[in-house]
Amino acid sequence: MLNSVKWEEFELEKLFIIENTLSFNKDKLTTGDEYDYVTRTSQNQGILQTTGFVNTENINPAGNWSLGLLQMDFFYRNKPWYAGQFVRKITPKIVLPPKTINFFSSILNKQKPILLSVLVRDVDDVFRNIKIKLPVKKSNNNMEGNIGEIIDFDFMQSFVAELEAQRVAELEAQRVAELEAYLLKTGLSNYTLTEKEMQVIDNINNSTLGGGKWQSFNLKQLFGSATRGKRLKSDDRIVGNLPFVTAGEANTGISAFIGNPVHIFNANTVTIDMFGSAKYRNYDYGADDHIAVVHTESLPPLATMFIASAIHKASYFSGKFSYSRNFYAKDADELTISLPCKSGKPDYDYMAAVMSAVQKLVIKEVVDYSDKKMKAYCSCVD
């Protein structure tokens, strides 16, 4: 597409006026958001913050670019603005169709390496003498007549529109792929709540989880004795594919992937580290001596997730365990957790329904957020 049109060179001084801006420090700002306060920063489109009216003489109108002299970034200004120190204003000499603004922003920012290579005092002169290439409708080497009639704005607009449409399609494909990945990971086909799951959520909102029937259970009586892992020093670990769990929150406690012939704990179990932090494991793994493993293999996976949360609440938030007082397997055997029950027994089906509903609600929130981002992007390019 770029080769389908003719291109000619233009000096920037033929297209833009570069000038200094009147500045003041941020202590002059007032409450409000009618104006942007633009500084030399490259973050947030150069906007340090918004402000209300300060004075008339310092106002820069919308419809131009700011140039921060720290990183030499050009940002188009859609609303009136005030400037901090070391900010230039770049004003077009010709009328630019709105859909060409992004095209010119890209071209201006391509000059950043040139402007960064010179002293700040020379920026204005260097800017004016820079030559850029633009698509033209007809050749006019002498630049006679109105430059605005020479430049092919129609091509720019169609080119930008094509790029925007391509980007929207990419974002939509990414959004769909992410949703499918979330559903695949959780084993769900959709994120619509079932009737039972809706009832579960109502119970949670009404503080009647499990119909209001909870009971305390000893961990050992439910799942048998917990198993302690075995120490394996870092220097002795062989690189492999088995997750090796140690104490800590980083990477959910996985400190390495090993190939050593260690005891392998089954997936769908719960680990508790030396600090009492419990985590659900949906994969086979090895564990060191600072890990206690609770054998929940026979439970539905979603119910095990619920159990892991209940254990974490009882052990980690008790505040009993630290470097000076470690949590061990014997502590797991003595631990009491509170669970929703039915006929005096843990209601694992209900726990699974709770976790299924939570998963779906989390996915729905992610989808809703992604939809909002997509709509916001589309509104910017329309």
Protein backbone atom coordinates (compact mmCIF):
# COMPACT_ATOMS: atom_id res chain seq x y z
CA MET A 1 0.00 0.00 0.00
CA LEU A 2 2.85 2.40 0.81
CA ASN A 3 4.33 1.86 -2.63
CA SER A 4 1.10 2.72 -4.40
CA VAL A 5 1.53 6.48 -3.94
CA LYS A 6 4.18 9.07 -4.71
CA TRP A 7 6.25 10.48 -1.84
CA GLU A 8 8.06 13.81 -1.61
CA GLU A 9 10.24 15.53 0.95
CA PHE A 10 9.04 18.45 3.04
CA GLU A 11 10.97 20.51 5.55
CA LEU A 12 9.20 20.58 8.89
CA GLU A 13 9.29 24.38 8.96
CA LYS A 14 7.00 24.32 5.90
CA LEU A 15 4.45 22.34 7.90
CA PHE A 16 4.83 23.35 11.55
CA ILE A 17 5.70 26.20 13.86
CA ILE A 18 7.89 25.29 16.83
CA GLU A 19 7.85 27.73 19.72
CA ASN A 20 8.50 27.96 23.43
CA THR A 21 5.67 27.82 25.94
CA LEU A 22 5.02 30.02 28.93
CA SER A 23 5.48 27.85 31.99
CA PHE A 24 4.80 27.74 35.71
CA ASN A 25 5.39 25.23 38.50
CA LYS A 26 2.73 22.80 39.62
CA ASP A 27 2.14 24.68 42.88
CA LYS A 28 0.10 27.12 40.78
CA LEU A 29 -2.39 24.45 39.73
CA THR A 30 -6.00 24.60 40.84
CA THR A 31 -8.73 22.06 41.39
CA GLY A 32 -10.43 20.90 38.19
CA ASP A 33 -9.85 18.98 34.98
CA GLU A 34 -10.61 21.51 32.26
CA TYR A 35 -6.93 21.71 31.30
CA ASP A 36 -3.97 19.35 31.10
CA TYR A 37 -0.73 20.31 32.80
CA VAL A 38 1.98 19.07 30.45
CA THR A 39 5.61 18.59 31.43
CA ARG A 40 8.71 17.08 29.84
CA THR A 41 7.84 13.61 31.13
CA SER A 42 7.23 10.76 28.69
CA GLN A 43 4.65 9.12 30.92
CA ASN A 44 0.88 9.53 30.60
CA GLN A 45 1.16 11.35 27.27
CA GLY A 46 3.25 14.01 28.98
CA ILE A 47 0.41 14.94 31.34
CA LEU A 48 1.54 15.36 34.95
CA GLN A 49 -2.02 16.07 36.07
CA THR A 50 -5.15 17.99 35.15
CA THR A 51 -6.02 21.41 36.51
CA GLY A 52 -8.67 24.05 36.62
CA PHE A 53 -8.21 27.58 35.26
CA VAL A 54 -4.93 29.25 36.31
CA ASN A 55 -4.57 32.23 33.98
CA THR A 56 -5.28 33.24 30.41
CA GLU A 57 -1.82 34.08 29.10
CA ASN A 58 -0.37 30.62 29.72
CA ILE A 59 -3.14 28.65 28.01
CA ASN A 60 -2.11 26.67 24.95
CA PRO A 61 -5.03 25.80 22.67
CA ALA A 62 -5.92 22.27 21.63
CA GLY A 63 -4.97 21.04 18.18
CA ASN A 64 -1.18 20.99 18.44
CA TRP A 65 1.64 18.82 19.75
CA SER A 66 3.69 19.21 22.89
CA LEU A 67 7.39 18.33 22.74
CA GLY A 68 9.06 17.46 26.04
CA LEU A 69 12.74 18.34 25.86
CA LEU A 70 13.80 15.54 28.19
CA GLN A 71 12.96 12.52 25.99
CA MET A 72 11.87 14.41 22.85
CA ASP A 73 8.44 12.82 22.73
CA PHE A 74 5.65 14.42 20.70
CA PHE A 75 2.10 14.17 22.08
CA TYR A 76 -0.96 15.55 20.33
CA ARG A 77 -3.06 17.76 22.57
CA ASN A 78 -6.81 17.25 22.31
CA LYS A 79 -7.70 19.81 24.98
CA PRO A 80 -6.34 23.20 26.09
CA TRP A 81 -3.23 22.85 28.20
CA TYR A 82 -0.72 24.54 30.43
CA ALA A 83 2.99 23.76 30.32
CA GLY A 84 5.78 23.17 32.78
CA GLN A 85 9.40 23.98 32.00
CA PHE A 86 11.23 22.70 28.92
CA VAL A 87 8.18 22.08 26.76
CA ARG A 88 7.79 23.21 23.16
CA LYS A 89 4.55 23.69 21.24
CA ILE A 90 4.33 22.36 17.67
CA THR A 91 1.52 24.01 15.71
CA PRO A 92 0.56 22.91 12.18
CA LYS A 93 0.61 25.63 9.51
CA ILE A 94 -2.00 23.80 7.45
CA VAL A 95 -5.34 22.28 8.31
CA LEU A 96 -4.89 18.61 9.17
CA PRO A 97 -7.87 16.26 8.87
CA PRO A 98 -8.50 14.60 12.27
CA LYS A 99 -7.85 11.12 10.90
CA THR A 100 -4.31 12.12 9.86
CA ILE A 101 -3.19 13.15 13.36
CA ASN A 102 -1.87 9.69 14.21
CA PHE A 103 0.00 9.60 10.91
CA PHE A 104 1.79 12.87 11.69
CA SER A 105 2.37 11.86 15.32
CA SER A 106 4.21 8.80 14.09
CA ILE A 107 6.32 10.83 11.68
CA LEU A 108 7.18 13.45 14.31
CA ASN A 109 8.23 10.84 16.86
CA LYS A 110 10.50 9.21 14.29
CA GLN A 111 12.64 12.36 14.58
CA LYS A 112 13.36 11.62 18.25
CA PRO A 113 16.89 10.19 17.66
CA ILE A 114 17.88 13.32 15.74
CA LEU A 115 16.61 15.71 18.40
CA LEU A 116 18.17 13.71 21.23
CA SER A 117 21.58 14.02 19.55
CA VAL A 118 21.70 17.83 19.74
CA LEU A 119 21.86 20.40 22.52
CA VAL A 120 18.52 21.64 23.81
CA ARG A 121 19.36 25.17 22.66
CA ASP A 122 19.63 23.88 19.07
CA VAL A 123 16.42 21.84 19.03
CA ASP A 124 14.27 24.51 17.38
CA ASP A 125 16.62 25.10 14.44
CA VAL A 126 17.28 21.39 13.95
CA PHE A 127 13.55 20.66 14.01
CA ARG A 128 12.82 23.26 11.34
CA ASN A 129 15.45 21.85 8.99
CA ILE A 130 14.46 18.19 9.30
CA LYS A 131 13.08 16.76 6.06
CA ILE A 132 10.31 14.19 6.09
CA LYS A 133 8.58 12.26 3.32
CA LEU A 134 4.83 12.53 2.83
CA PRO A 135 2.45 11.04 0.25
CA VAL A 136 1.47 13.56 -2.41
CA LYS A 137 -1.29 13.81 -4.96
CA LYS A 138 0.95 15.48 -7.51
CA SER A 139 4.59 16.37 -7.85
CA ASN A 140 5.50 19.92 -6.93
CA ASN A 141 9.23 20.11 -6.35
CA ASN A 142 9.17 23.87 -6.04
CA MET A 143 6.43 23.68 -3.40
CA GLU A 144 4.46 26.33 -5.22
CA GLY A 145 0.91 26.98 -4.10
CA ASN A 146 -0.87 25.59 -1.07
CA ILE A 147 1.04 22.68 0.47
CA GLY A 148 -2.24 21.39 1.84
CA GLU A 149 -3.41 20.81 -1.71
CA ILE A 150 -0.29 18.82 -2.57
CA ILE A 151 -0.28 16.37 0.32
CA ASP A 152 -2.41 13.26 -0.14
CA PHE A 153 -4.48 13.37 3.05
CA ASP A 154 -6.94 10.84 1.63
CA PHE A 155 -4.20 8.23 1.47
CA MET A 156 -3.11 9.00 5.04
CA GLN A 157 -6.65 8.60 6.32
CA SER A 158 -7.24 5.32 4.51
CA PHE A 159 -3.86 4.01 5.66
CA VAL A 160 -4.56 4.89 9.31
CA ALA A 161 -8.07 3.43 9.06
CA GLU A 162 -6.66 0.18 7.69
CA LEU A 163 -4.13 -0.07 10.53
CA GLU A 164 -6.80 0.68 13.11
CA ALA A 165 -9.14 -1.95 11.68
CA GLN A 166 -6.31 -4.47 11.70
CA ARG A 167 -5.51 -3.64 15.32
CA VAL A 168 -9.16 -3.95 16.37
CA ALA A 169 -9.33 -7.37 14.71
CA GLU A 170 -6.14 -8.44 16.51
CA LEU A 171 -7.49 -7.28 19.87
CA GLU A 172 -10.77 -9.08 19.31
CA ALA A 173 -8.96 -12.28 18.37
CA GLN A 174 -6.78 -11.93 21.47
CA ARG A 175 -9.85 -11.37 23.65
CA VAL A 176 -11.54 -14.51 22.32
CA ALA A 177 -8.34 -16.55 22.67
CA GLU A 178 -7.90 -15.44 26.29
CA LEU A 179 -11.47 -16.38 27.13
CA GLU A 180 -11.04 -19.81 25.54
CA ALA A 181 -7.79 -20.28 27.49
CA TYR A 182 -9.49 -19.42 30.78
CA LEU A 183 -12.32 -21.84 30.07
CA LEU A 184 -9.93 -24.59 28.97
CA LYS A 185 -7.81 -24.16 32.09
CA THR A 186 -10.82 -24.46 34.37
CA GLY A 187 -12.49 -27.22 32.36
CA LEU A 188 -15.55 -25.05 31.75
CA SER A 189 -17.47 -24.67 28.51
CA ASN A 190 -18.90 -21.28 29.48
CA TYR A 191 -19.08 -18.87 32.40
CA THR A 192 -22.85 -18.86 32.84
CA LEU A 193 -23.91 -19.72 36.39
CA THR A 194 -26.12 -22.76 36.87
CA GLU A 195 -29.21 -22.55 39.04
CA LYS A 196 -27.34 -24.21 41.90
CA GLU A 197 -24.41 -21.84 41.53
CA MET A 198 -26.73 -18.83 41.57
CA GLN A 199 -28.24 -20.15 44.79
CA VAL A 200 -24.74 -20.52 46.21
CA ILE A 201 -23.93 -16.91 45.38
CA ASP A 202 -27.19 -15.76 46.97
CA ASN A 203 -26.24 -17.68 50.10
CA ILE A 204 -22.81 -16.03 50.16
CA ASN A 205 -24.33 -12.57 49.72
CA ASN A 206 -26.80 -13.31 52.50
CA SER A 207 -24.06 -14.72 54.75
CA THR A 208 -25.74 -18.14 54.75
CA LEU A 209 -23.08 -20.17 52.94
CA GLY A 210 -23.95 -23.83 53.21
CA GLY A 211 -27.44 -22.97 54.37
CA GLY A 212 -25.86 -21.44 57.45
CA LYS A 213 -24.69 -24.89 58.68
CA TRP A 214 -21.01 -25.02 59.47
CA GLN A 215 -19.04 -27.42 61.59
CA SER A 216 -15.45 -27.77 62.81
CA PHE A 217 -13.48 -30.78 61.58
CA ASN A 218 -10.06 -32.13 62.48
CA LEU A 219 -7.84 -32.37 59.41
CA LYS A 220 -6.35 -35.75 60.34
CA GLN A 221 -9.78 -37.29 60.90
CA LEU A 222 -10.87 -36.15 57.45
CA PHE A 223 -7.81 -37.01 55.36
CA GLY A 224 -5.43 -39.05 57.50
CA SER A 225 -1.97 -38.01 58.63
CA ALA A 226 -0.23 -35.29 56.67
CA THR A 227 3.11 -36.17 55.07
CA ARG A 228 6.26 -34.15 55.50
CA GLY A 229 8.49 -33.57 52.50
CA LYS A 230 12.18 -34.37 52.45
CA ARG A 231 15.04 -31.92 52.34
CA LEU A 232 16.91 -31.55 49.06
CA LYS A 233 19.69 -28.94 49.08
CA SER A 234 19.87 -26.53 46.16
CA ASP A 235 23.31 -27.80 45.17
CA ASP A 236 22.00 -31.36 44.94
CA ARG A 237 19.06 -30.59 42.67
CA ILE A 238 19.19 -31.95 39.14
CA VAL A 239 17.38 -29.99 36.46
CA GLY A 240 14.22 -31.77 35.35
CA ASN A 241 10.46 -31.44 34.90
CA LEU A 242 9.07 -32.14 38.38
CA PRO A 243 7.92 -29.03 40.31
CA PHE A 244 9.71 -28.91 43.66
CA VAL A 245 7.75 -27.08 46.35
CA THR A 246 9.44 -25.18 49.18
CA ALA A 247 8.30 -22.50 51.62
CA GLY A 248 7.43 -19.09 50.20
CA GLU A 249 4.88 -17.19 48.14
CA ALA A 250 6.93 -16.54 44.99
CA ASN A 251 5.87 -18.81 42.14
CA THR A 252 3.40 -20.44 44.56
CA GLY A 253 6.35 -21.94 46.40
CA ILE A 254 7.88 -23.73 43.41
CA SER A 255 11.62 -23.13 43.75
CA ALA A 256 12.84 -25.42 40.98
CA PHE A 257 11.97 -28.13 38.47
CA ILE A 258 13.99 -31.20 39.31
CA GLY A 259 14.91 -34.61 37.97
CA ASN A 260 15.97 -36.16 41.28
CA PRO A 261 14.37 -39.48 42.34
CA VAL A 262 12.31 -37.92 45.15
CA HIS A 263 8.93 -38.95 46.50
CA ILE A 264 6.22 -37.67 44.15
CA PHE A 265 3.05 -36.33 45.72
CA ASN A 266 -0.19 -36.68 43.80
CA ALA A 267 -2.08 -33.88 42.15
CA ASN A 268 -5.26 -32.58 43.81
CA THR A 269 -3.59 -32.27 47.20
CA VAL A 270 -2.88 -29.33 49.51
CA THR A 271 0.53 -28.17 50.71
CA ILE A 272 1.14 -26.16 53.88
CA ASP A 273 4.52 -24.46 54.24
CA MET A 274 6.48 -23.58 57.38
CA PHE A 275 4.54 -20.33 57.75
CA GLY A 276 1.14 -22.02 57.55
CA SER A 277 0.47 -20.88 53.99
CA ALA A 278 -1.75 -23.44 52.23
CA LYS A 279 -1.92 -23.92 48.47
CA TYR A 280 -3.86 -26.19 46.15
CA ARG A 281 -1.76 -28.31 43.78
CA ASN A 282 -3.36 -29.61 40.59
CA TYR A 283 -0.16 -31.34 39.44
CA ASP A 284 2.27 -33.98 40.71
CA TYR A 285 5.20 -32.50 42.61
CA GLY A 286 8.04 -33.03 45.07
CA ALA A 287 8.37 -31.19 48.37
CA ASP A 288 11.08 -30.30 50.87
CA ASP A 289 11.03 -30.73 54.63
CA HIS A 290 9.35 -27.36 55.21
CA ILE A 291 6.21 -28.62 53.49
CA ALA A 292 3.32 -30.67 54.90
CA VAL A 293 1.08 -32.42 52.37
CA VAL A 294 -2.62 -32.98 53.13
CA HIS A 295 -3.97 -35.99 51.23
CA THR A 296 -7.16 -34.78 49.59
CA GLU A 297 -6.68 -36.85 46.41
CA SER A 298 -10.09 -38.50 46.65
CA LEU A 299 -12.05 -35.23 46.69
CA PRO A 300 -13.47 -33.43 43.65
CA PRO A 301 -10.81 -30.87 42.60
CA LEU A 302 -13.10 -27.89 43.20
CA ALA A 303 -13.85 -29.12 46.70
CA THR A 304 -10.12 -29.45 47.34
CA MET A 305 -9.68 -25.81 46.36
CA PHE A 306 -12.27 -24.89 48.98
CA ILE A 307 -10.47 -27.06 51.56
CA ALA A 308 -7.16 -25.32 50.75
CA SER A 309 -8.75 -21.95 51.48
CA ALA A 310 -10.20 -23.22 54.76
CA ILE A 311 -6.80 -24.61 55.79
CA HIS A 312 -5.05 -21.36 54.86
CA LYS A 313 -7.51 -19.39 56.98
CA ALA A 314 -6.98 -21.66 59.98
CA SER A 315 -3.19 -21.96 59.76
CA TYR A 316 -1.76 -18.87 58.08
CA PHE A 317 -4.08 -16.28 59.57
CA SER A 318 -3.74 -17.74 63.05
CA GLY A 319 -0.47 -15.83 63.36
CA LYS A 320 1.11 -18.76 65.21
CA PHE A 321 3.72 -19.74 62.65
CA SER A 322 6.90 -17.94 61.58
CA TYR A 323 10.66 -18.45 61.30
CA SER A 324 10.80 -19.01 65.05
CA ARG A 325 7.80 -21.36 65.15
CA ASN A 326 7.51 -23.46 61.99
CA PHE A 327 4.42 -25.32 60.80
CA TYR A 328 5.04 -29.06 60.47
CA ALA A 329 3.02 -32.12 59.47
CA LYS A 330 2.11 -32.77 63.11
CA ASP A 331 0.55 -29.30 63.23
CA ALA A 332 -1.58 -30.21 60.22
CA ASP A 333 -2.81 -33.30 62.05
CA GLU A 334 -3.92 -31.12 64.96
CA LEU A 335 -5.47 -28.41 62.80
CA THR A 336 -9.21 -27.75 62.98
CA ILE A 337 -10.98 -26.16 60.01
CA SER A 338 -14.52 -24.89 59.58
CA LEU A 339 -16.55 -26.27 56.66
CA PRO A 340 -20.16 -26.19 55.42
CA CYS A 341 -21.78 -29.47 56.38
CA LYS A 342 -24.76 -31.68 55.65
CA SER A 343 -26.03 -34.28 58.12
CA GLY A 344 -22.93 -33.70 60.23
CA LYS A 345 -20.50 -34.38 57.38
CA PRO A 346 -18.55 -32.01 55.11
CA ASP A 347 -20.72 -31.01 52.14
CA TYR A 348 -18.14 -31.43 49.38
CA ASP A 349 -20.70 -31.01 46.60
CA TYR A 350 -21.66 -27.64 48.01
CA MET A 351 -18.00 -26.62 48.32
CA ALA A 352 -17.42 -27.58 44.69
CA ALA A 353 -20.42 -25.50 43.63
CA VAL A 354 -19.02 -22.51 45.51
CA MET A 355 -15.65 -22.74 43.78
CA SER A 356 -17.23 -23.32 40.37
CA ALA A 357 -19.33 -20.19 40.83
CA VAL A 358 -16.29 -18.19 41.95
CA GLN A 359 -14.31 -19.34 38.92
CA LYS A 360 -17.08 -18.32 36.56
CA LEU A 361 -17.53 -14.94 38.22
CA VAL A 362 -13.81 -14.23 38.00
CA ILE A 363 -13.78 -15.17 34.31
CA LYS A 364 -16.84 -12.98 33.75
CA GLU A 365 -15.08 -10.04 35.39
CA VAL A 366 -12.06 -10.57 33.15
CA VAL A 367 -14.31 -10.74 30.07
CA ASP A 368 -16.21 -7.62 31.14
CA TYR A 369 -12.94 -5.76 31.68
CA SER A 370 -11.65 -6.91 28.30
CA ASP A 371 -14.90 -5.77 26.67
CA LYS A 372 -14.56 -2.34 28.28
CA LYS A 373 -10.99 -2.03 27.01
CA MET A 374 -12.14 -3.04 23.55
CA LYS A 375 -14.96 -0.48 23.55
CA ALA A 376 -12.60 2.21 24.83
CA TYR A 377 -10.12 1.46 22.07
CA CYS A 378 -12.83 1.48 19.41
CA SER A 379 -14.15 4.81 20.71
CA CYS A 380 -10.66 6.28 20.38
CA VAL A 381 -10.27 5.25 16.75
CA ASP A 382 -13.79 6.17 15.65
